[in-house]
C-alpha cells in the first residue's frame, strides 16, 4: 500500500480527503532535497490527475532558499498543474515567500494558479470546494 502521509524533515505532506488535494504542514526552512522529496511524493500520488490543489498550515514556515526555489522550477513538470493554493495561519513573510515561489512556478509551467490566504482550515476547505466547482465549470 502506498503511504498517504510523508514526513519530510520537520514538514508533513498528506493526501487530502479529495484525491486532487495535497495538505501540507510546513515547519522551518525548506532545503533543496526536501523540495525534491515533495515532488517525488506528488508525482507518485497525483499521476493521471487533471490538476492539483494545495492547502496547509504554513504558520511556522522558515526560509525557502534560492536553490530550493530552483528545485521547484526544475521539478514542476513532473506533476499535474497546480490550479489552486490556499494556505492558512500564514505570516506576512510567509505570504510574500509563497507568492514568490508560485509566481516562479507559474512562469515555468504556464499554469493559472489561484492563490488565497485564509485564517483557518475550515475557511481553506470552503475555498477548495469553490475552486473545485470553478475548475469543473472550466471543462466545458
N, C-alpha and C. Protein backbone atom coordinates (compact mmCIF):
# COMPACT_ATOMS: atom_id res chain seq x y z
N UNK A 1 0.84 -1.19 0.00
CA UNK A 1 0.00 0.00 0.00
C UNK A 1 0.88 1.25 0.00
N UNK A 2 0.50 2.23 -0.78
CA UNK A 2 1.25 3.47 -0.88
C UNK A 2 0.85 4.38 0.28
N UNK A 3 1.85 4.92 0.95
CA UNK A 3 1.59 5.82 2.09
C UNK A 3 0.92 7.11 1.62
N UNK A 4 -0.08 7.54 2.37
CA UNK A 4 -0.78 8.78 2.06
C UNK A 4 -0.23 9.97 2.85
N UNK A 5 0.72 9.69 3.76
CA UNK A 5 1.33 10.74 4.58
C UNK A 5 2.84 10.53 4.55
N UNK A 6 3.58 11.62 4.40
CA UNK A 6 5.03 11.53 4.39
C UNK A 6 5.62 12.66 5.22
N UNK A 7 6.52 12.30 6.13
CA UNK A 7 7.30 13.30 6.85
C UNK A 7 8.52 13.62 6.02
N UNK A 8 8.76 14.89 5.81
CA UNK A 8 9.93 15.35 5.06
C UNK A 8 10.62 16.35 5.97
N UNK A 9 11.65 15.90 6.67
CA UNK A 9 12.27 16.75 7.68
C UNK A 9 11.23 17.06 8.75
N UNK A 10 11.02 18.33 9.03
CA UNK A 10 10.01 18.76 10.00
C UNK A 10 8.65 19.00 9.35
N UNK A 11 8.58 18.85 8.05
CA UNK A 11 7.35 19.11 7.28
C UNK A 11 6.54 17.83 7.14
N UNK A 12 5.25 17.98 6.85
CA UNK A 12 4.38 16.84 6.59
C UNK A 12 3.60 17.09 5.31
N UNK A 13 3.55 16.08 4.44
CA UNK A 13 2.73 16.11 3.23
C UNK A 13 1.72 14.97 3.36
N UNK A 14 0.47 15.27 3.01
CA UNK A 14 -0.58 14.26 3.14
C UNK A 14 -1.58 14.44 1.99
N UNK A 15 -2.07 13.32 1.50
CA UNK A 15 -3.14 13.37 0.50
C UNK A 15 -4.42 13.72 1.24
N UNK A 16 -5.15 14.69 0.72
CA UNK A 16 -6.37 15.15 1.37
C UNK A 16 -7.53 14.19 1.20
N UNK A 17 -8.68 14.59 1.74
CA UNK A 17 -9.87 13.74 1.61
C UNK A 17 -10.34 13.66 0.17
N UNK A 18 -9.98 14.63 -0.65
CA UNK A 18 -10.24 14.59 -2.09
C UNK A 18 -8.94 14.19 -2.78
N UNK A 19 -9.04 13.36 -3.80
CA UNK A 19 -7.85 12.83 -4.47
C UNK A 19 -7.02 13.89 -5.18
N UNK A 20 -7.58 15.09 -5.35
CA UNK A 20 -6.87 16.16 -6.05
C UNK A 20 -6.12 17.10 -5.11
N UNK A 21 -6.12 16.81 -3.81
CA UNK A 21 -5.63 17.78 -2.83
C UNK A 21 -4.44 17.27 -2.02
N UNK A 22 -3.42 18.12 -1.96
CA UNK A 22 -2.25 17.89 -1.11
C UNK A 22 -2.37 18.81 0.09
N UNK A 23 -2.25 18.24 1.29
CA UNK A 23 -2.29 19.02 2.52
C UNK A 23 -0.88 19.07 3.11
N UNK A 24 -0.41 20.27 3.39
CA UNK A 24 0.95 20.46 3.90
C UNK A 24 0.94 21.08 5.28
N UNK A 25 1.90 20.69 6.08
CA UNK A 25 2.24 21.41 7.31
C UNK A 25 3.72 21.72 7.18
N UNK A 26 4.04 23.00 7.11
CA UNK A 26 5.42 23.43 6.88
C UNK A 26 5.98 23.99 8.18
N UNK A 27 7.14 23.42 8.58
CA UNK A 27 7.80 23.87 9.81
C UNK A 27 9.28 24.04 9.53
N UNK A 28 9.72 25.27 9.56
CA UNK A 28 11.14 25.54 9.35
C UNK A 28 11.48 25.76 7.89
N UNK A 29 12.78 25.78 7.63
CA UNK A 29 13.30 26.03 6.28
C UNK A 29 13.03 24.83 5.38
N UNK A 30 13.03 25.08 4.07
CA UNK A 30 12.84 24.02 3.07
C UNK A 30 14.13 23.91 2.28
N UNK A 31 14.83 22.79 2.46
CA UNK A 31 16.08 22.56 1.73
C UNK A 31 15.78 22.10 0.31
N UNK A 32 16.75 22.20 -0.60
CA UNK A 32 16.54 21.68 -1.96
C UNK A 32 16.15 20.20 -1.97
N UNK A 33 16.78 19.40 -1.11
CA UNK A 33 16.44 17.98 -1.04
C UNK A 33 14.99 17.79 -0.58
N UNK A 34 14.56 18.56 0.40
CA UNK A 34 13.17 18.46 0.86
C UNK A 34 12.21 18.88 -0.24
N UNK A 35 12.53 19.94 -0.97
CA UNK A 35 11.67 20.36 -2.08
C UNK A 35 11.54 19.23 -3.11
N UNK A 36 12.65 18.57 -3.44
CA UNK A 36 12.61 17.46 -4.40
C UNK A 36 11.77 16.30 -3.86
N UNK A 37 11.86 16.03 -2.57
CA UNK A 37 11.07 14.94 -1.98
C UNK A 37 9.57 15.23 -2.01
N UNK A 38 9.19 16.51 -1.86
CA UNK A 38 7.78 16.87 -2.02
C UNK A 38 7.32 16.50 -3.43
N UNK A 39 8.14 16.80 -4.43
CA UNK A 39 7.75 16.48 -5.80
C UNK A 39 7.74 14.98 -6.06
N UNK A 40 8.62 14.23 -5.43
CA UNK A 40 8.56 12.77 -5.53
C UNK A 40 7.20 12.27 -5.03
N UNK A 41 6.79 12.78 -3.88
CA UNK A 41 5.51 12.38 -3.27
C UNK A 41 4.34 12.77 -4.17
N UNK A 42 4.37 14.00 -4.69
CA UNK A 42 3.29 14.46 -5.56
C UNK A 42 3.24 13.67 -6.86
N UNK A 43 4.39 13.40 -7.45
CA UNK A 43 4.42 12.64 -8.71
C UNK A 43 3.83 11.25 -8.51
N UNK A 44 4.09 10.64 -7.38
CA UNK A 44 3.56 9.31 -7.09
C UNK A 44 2.04 9.34 -6.92
N UNK A 45 1.54 10.31 -6.17
CA UNK A 45 0.12 10.32 -5.80
C UNK A 45 -0.80 11.04 -6.78
N UNK A 46 -0.28 11.94 -7.57
CA UNK A 46 -1.17 12.73 -8.42
C UNK A 46 -1.04 12.39 -9.90
N UNK A 47 -0.31 11.33 -10.22
CA UNK A 47 -0.19 10.89 -11.62
C UNK A 47 -1.59 10.64 -12.18
N UNK A 48 -1.84 11.17 -13.36
CA UNK A 48 -3.13 10.96 -14.01
C UNK A 48 -4.20 11.97 -13.63
N UNK A 49 -3.95 12.79 -12.63
CA UNK A 49 -4.93 13.83 -12.26
C UNK A 49 -4.87 14.96 -13.28
N UNK A 50 -6.00 15.62 -13.47
CA UNK A 50 -6.07 16.76 -14.38
C UNK A 50 -5.38 17.99 -13.78
N UNK A 51 -5.43 18.10 -12.46
CA UNK A 51 -4.83 19.22 -11.75
C UNK A 51 -4.63 18.82 -10.29
N UNK A 52 -3.95 19.68 -9.56
CA UNK A 52 -3.77 19.52 -8.11
C UNK A 52 -4.20 20.80 -7.40
N UNK A 53 -4.67 20.63 -6.18
CA UNK A 53 -4.93 21.75 -5.28
C UNK A 53 -4.06 21.53 -4.04
N UNK A 54 -3.58 22.62 -3.46
CA UNK A 54 -2.71 22.52 -2.28
C UNK A 54 -3.26 23.41 -1.18
N UNK A 55 -3.26 22.88 0.03
CA UNK A 55 -3.66 23.64 1.20
C UNK A 55 -2.70 23.31 2.34
N UNK A 56 -2.73 24.11 3.37
CA UNK A 56 -1.91 23.76 4.52
C UNK A 56 -1.64 24.91 5.46
N UNK A 57 -1.06 24.50 6.57
CA UNK A 57 -0.66 25.42 7.64
C UNK A 57 0.81 25.77 7.43
N UNK A 58 1.06 27.02 7.15
CA UNK A 58 2.44 27.47 6.93
C UNK A 58 2.85 28.51 7.98
N UNK A 59 2.20 28.45 9.13
CA UNK A 59 2.48 29.43 10.18
C UNK A 59 3.91 29.34 10.70
N UNK A 60 4.55 28.19 10.53
CA UNK A 60 5.92 28.03 11.02
C UNK A 60 6.92 27.85 9.89
N UNK A 61 6.51 28.21 8.68
CA UNK A 61 7.42 28.13 7.53
C UNK A 61 8.61 29.05 7.75
N UNK A 62 9.78 28.51 7.49
CA UNK A 62 11.00 29.30 7.58
C UNK A 62 11.39 29.83 6.21
N UNK A 63 12.66 29.69 5.89
CA UNK A 63 13.16 30.18 4.61
C UNK A 63 13.00 29.12 3.53
N UNK A 64 12.85 29.59 2.29
CA UNK A 64 12.91 28.73 1.11
C UNK A 64 14.02 29.34 0.26
N UNK A 65 15.27 28.88 0.44
CA UNK A 65 16.41 29.48 -0.25
C UNK A 65 16.27 29.40 -1.77
N UNK A 66 17.06 30.21 -2.45
CA UNK A 66 17.00 30.27 -3.91
C UNK A 66 17.19 28.90 -4.54
N UNK A 67 18.09 28.09 -4.02
CA UNK A 67 18.30 26.75 -4.61
C UNK A 67 17.07 25.87 -4.44
N UNK A 68 16.35 26.02 -3.36
CA UNK A 68 15.10 25.27 -3.16
C UNK A 68 14.04 25.74 -4.16
N UNK A 69 13.98 27.05 -4.39
CA UNK A 69 13.02 27.58 -5.38
C UNK A 69 13.38 27.09 -6.77
N UNK A 70 14.68 27.02 -7.09
CA UNK A 70 15.10 26.48 -8.40
C UNK A 70 14.71 25.01 -8.52
N UNK A 71 14.79 24.28 -7.43
CA UNK A 71 14.36 22.87 -7.44
C UNK A 71 12.88 22.78 -7.79
N UNK A 72 12.07 23.66 -7.22
CA UNK A 72 10.64 23.68 -7.55
C UNK A 72 10.45 23.89 -9.05
N UNK A 73 11.19 24.82 -9.63
CA UNK A 73 11.06 25.09 -11.07
C UNK A 73 11.46 23.86 -11.89
N UNK A 74 12.57 23.23 -11.52
CA UNK A 74 13.05 22.05 -12.26
C UNK A 74 12.10 20.87 -12.14
N UNK A 75 11.48 20.70 -11.01
CA UNK A 75 10.64 19.54 -10.74
C UNK A 75 9.18 19.73 -11.18
N UNK A 76 8.79 20.94 -11.49
CA UNK A 76 7.37 21.25 -11.70
C UNK A 76 6.72 20.45 -12.82
N UNK A 77 7.47 20.05 -13.83
CA UNK A 77 6.89 19.29 -14.93
C UNK A 77 6.54 17.85 -14.58
N UNK A 78 6.92 17.40 -13.41
CA UNK A 78 6.66 16.01 -13.01
C UNK A 78 5.26 15.79 -12.45
N UNK A 79 4.54 16.86 -12.20
CA UNK A 79 3.23 16.74 -11.55
C UNK A 79 2.17 17.48 -12.37
N UNK A 80 0.90 17.12 -12.17
CA UNK A 80 -0.16 17.87 -12.85
C UNK A 80 -0.11 19.35 -12.44
N UNK A 81 -0.70 20.22 -13.24
CA UNK A 81 -0.67 21.64 -12.89
C UNK A 81 -1.33 21.92 -11.54
N UNK A 82 -0.70 22.78 -10.77
CA UNK A 82 -1.31 23.26 -9.53
C UNK A 82 -2.29 24.35 -9.95
N UNK A 83 -3.58 24.16 -9.67
CA UNK A 83 -4.59 25.12 -10.10
C UNK A 83 -5.18 25.92 -8.95
N UNK A 84 -4.75 25.62 -7.74
CA UNK A 84 -5.22 26.39 -6.60
C UNK A 84 -4.37 26.11 -5.39
N UNK A 85 -4.10 27.17 -4.63
CA UNK A 85 -3.31 27.05 -3.42
C UNK A 85 -3.95 27.94 -2.36
N UNK A 86 -4.30 27.35 -1.24
CA UNK A 86 -4.87 28.13 -0.15
C UNK A 86 -4.15 27.73 1.14
N UNK A 87 -3.47 28.69 1.73
CA UNK A 87 -2.76 28.47 2.98
C UNK A 87 -3.48 29.20 4.10
N UNK A 88 -3.40 28.64 5.28
CA UNK A 88 -4.00 29.29 6.45
C UNK A 88 -2.93 29.48 7.53
N UNK A 89 -3.26 30.41 8.45
CA UNK A 89 -2.32 30.80 9.51
C UNK A 89 -0.98 31.23 8.92
N UNK A 90 -1.04 32.07 7.93
CA UNK A 90 0.17 32.48 7.22
C UNK A 90 0.66 33.82 7.75
N UNK A 91 1.95 33.91 7.99
CA UNK A 91 2.56 35.17 8.39
C UNK A 91 2.77 36.04 7.15
N UNK A 92 3.02 37.32 7.36
CA UNK A 92 3.28 38.19 6.21
C UNK A 92 4.49 37.71 5.41
N UNK A 93 5.63 37.40 6.07
CA UNK A 93 6.76 36.88 5.29
C UNK A 93 6.41 35.57 4.56
N UNK A 94 5.57 34.74 5.18
CA UNK A 94 5.14 33.50 4.53
C UNK A 94 4.32 33.76 3.28
N UNK A 95 3.48 34.80 3.33
CA UNK A 95 2.69 35.17 2.14
C UNK A 95 3.60 35.65 1.01
N UNK A 96 4.55 36.49 1.37
CA UNK A 96 5.47 37.02 0.36
C UNK A 96 6.26 35.87 -0.27
N UNK A 97 6.76 34.97 0.55
CA UNK A 97 7.52 33.83 0.06
C UNK A 97 6.67 32.93 -0.82
N UNK A 98 5.43 32.67 -0.39
CA UNK A 98 4.52 31.85 -1.19
C UNK A 98 4.28 32.48 -2.55
N UNK A 99 4.00 33.77 -2.56
CA UNK A 99 3.76 34.47 -3.83
C UNK A 99 4.98 34.37 -4.74
N UNK A 100 6.17 34.52 -4.17
CA UNK A 100 7.40 34.44 -4.95
C UNK A 100 7.56 33.06 -5.58
N UNK A 101 7.38 32.01 -4.78
CA UNK A 101 7.54 30.64 -5.29
C UNK A 101 6.48 30.34 -6.34
N UNK A 102 5.23 30.72 -6.09
CA UNK A 102 4.14 30.41 -7.03
C UNK A 102 4.29 31.20 -8.32
N UNK A 103 4.74 32.44 -8.25
CA UNK A 103 4.97 33.19 -9.50
C UNK A 103 6.03 32.51 -10.35
N UNK A 104 7.10 32.05 -9.71
CA UNK A 104 8.13 31.31 -10.44
C UNK A 104 7.58 30.03 -11.03
N UNK A 105 6.78 29.31 -10.25
CA UNK A 105 6.15 28.07 -10.73
C UNK A 105 5.26 28.37 -11.94
N UNK A 106 4.43 29.40 -11.84
CA UNK A 106 3.52 29.74 -12.93
C UNK A 106 4.30 30.14 -14.18
N UNK A 107 5.39 30.87 -14.01
CA UNK A 107 6.23 31.22 -15.16
C UNK A 107 6.82 29.97 -15.81
N UNK A 108 7.27 29.03 -14.99
CA UNK A 108 7.91 27.82 -15.51
C UNK A 108 6.92 26.89 -16.20
N UNK A 109 5.66 26.88 -15.73
CA UNK A 109 4.69 25.90 -16.24
C UNK A 109 3.59 26.50 -17.10
N UNK A 110 3.35 27.79 -16.97
CA UNK A 110 2.22 28.40 -17.66
C UNK A 110 0.90 28.14 -16.96
N UNK A 111 0.93 27.52 -15.79
CA UNK A 111 -0.29 27.19 -15.05
C UNK A 111 -0.95 28.46 -14.52
N UNK A 112 -2.27 28.45 -14.54
CA UNK A 112 -3.08 29.52 -13.96
C UNK A 112 -3.39 29.10 -12.52
N UNK A 113 -2.61 29.63 -11.58
CA UNK A 113 -2.73 29.21 -10.18
C UNK A 113 -3.48 30.28 -9.39
N UNK A 114 -4.63 29.91 -8.84
CA UNK A 114 -5.35 30.80 -7.94
C UNK A 114 -4.72 30.65 -6.56
N UNK A 115 -4.33 31.76 -5.96
CA UNK A 115 -3.68 31.74 -4.64
C UNK A 115 -4.56 32.52 -3.66
N UNK A 116 -4.76 31.94 -2.48
CA UNK A 116 -5.62 32.58 -1.50
C UNK A 116 -5.06 32.29 -0.10
N UNK A 117 -5.25 33.23 0.81
CA UNK A 117 -4.81 33.07 2.19
C UNK A 117 -6.02 33.28 3.10
N UNK A 118 -6.19 32.39 4.08
CA UNK A 118 -7.33 32.48 4.99
C UNK A 118 -6.83 32.28 6.43
N UNK A 119 -7.75 32.46 7.37
CA UNK A 119 -7.38 32.37 8.78
C UNK A 119 -7.26 30.94 9.30
N UNK A 120 -8.13 30.04 8.84
CA UNK A 120 -8.13 28.70 9.43
C UNK A 120 -8.46 27.61 8.41
N UNK A 121 -8.37 26.37 8.87
CA UNK A 121 -8.56 25.22 7.99
C UNK A 121 -9.98 25.15 7.43
N UNK A 122 -10.99 25.51 8.22
CA UNK A 122 -12.38 25.47 7.75
C UNK A 122 -12.56 26.41 6.56
N UNK A 123 -12.01 27.61 6.65
CA UNK A 123 -12.08 28.55 5.52
C UNK A 123 -11.34 28.01 4.31
N UNK A 124 -10.21 27.35 4.55
CA UNK A 124 -9.44 26.78 3.45
C UNK A 124 -10.25 25.70 2.74
N UNK A 125 -10.91 24.83 3.50
CA UNK A 125 -11.72 23.77 2.89
C UNK A 125 -12.88 24.36 2.07
N UNK A 126 -13.49 25.42 2.58
CA UNK A 126 -14.57 26.07 1.84
C UNK A 126 -14.04 26.66 0.54
N UNK A 127 -12.87 27.29 0.59
CA UNK A 127 -12.27 27.85 -0.62
C UNK A 127 -11.96 26.74 -1.62
N UNK A 128 -11.42 25.61 -1.15
CA UNK A 128 -11.12 24.48 -2.04
C UNK A 128 -12.39 23.98 -2.74
N UNK A 129 -13.49 23.90 -2.01
CA UNK A 129 -14.75 23.44 -2.60
C UNK A 129 -15.19 24.39 -3.71
N UNK A 130 -15.08 25.70 -3.47
CA UNK A 130 -15.45 26.67 -4.51
C UNK A 130 -14.52 26.56 -5.71
N UNK A 131 -13.25 26.37 -5.45
CA UNK A 131 -12.27 26.26 -6.55
C UNK A 131 -12.55 25.01 -7.39
N UNK A 132 -12.89 23.89 -6.75
CA UNK A 132 -13.24 22.68 -7.49
C UNK A 132 -14.43 22.93 -8.41
N UNK A 133 -15.43 23.66 -7.90
CA UNK A 133 -16.60 23.99 -8.72
C UNK A 133 -16.19 24.82 -9.93
N UNK A 134 -15.33 25.81 -9.72
CA UNK A 134 -14.84 26.63 -10.84
C UNK A 134 -14.12 25.77 -11.86
N UNK A 135 -13.25 24.89 -11.40
CA UNK A 135 -12.48 24.05 -12.32
C UNK A 135 -13.37 23.06 -13.05
N UNK A 136 -14.41 22.56 -12.39
CA UNK A 136 -15.36 21.67 -13.06
C UNK A 136 -16.09 22.42 -14.17
N UNK A 137 -16.39 23.69 -13.94
CA UNK A 137 -17.04 24.51 -14.96
C UNK A 137 -16.14 24.82 -16.13
N UNK A 138 -14.82 24.81 -15.91
CA UNK A 138 -13.85 25.08 -16.98
C UNK A 138 -13.76 23.95 -17.98
N UNK A 139 -14.28 22.79 -17.65
CA UNK A 139 -14.17 21.63 -18.55
C UNK A 139 -14.90 21.86 -19.86
N UNK A 140 -16.04 22.61 -19.77
CA UNK A 140 -16.96 22.78 -20.86
C UNK A 140 -16.39 23.13 -22.14
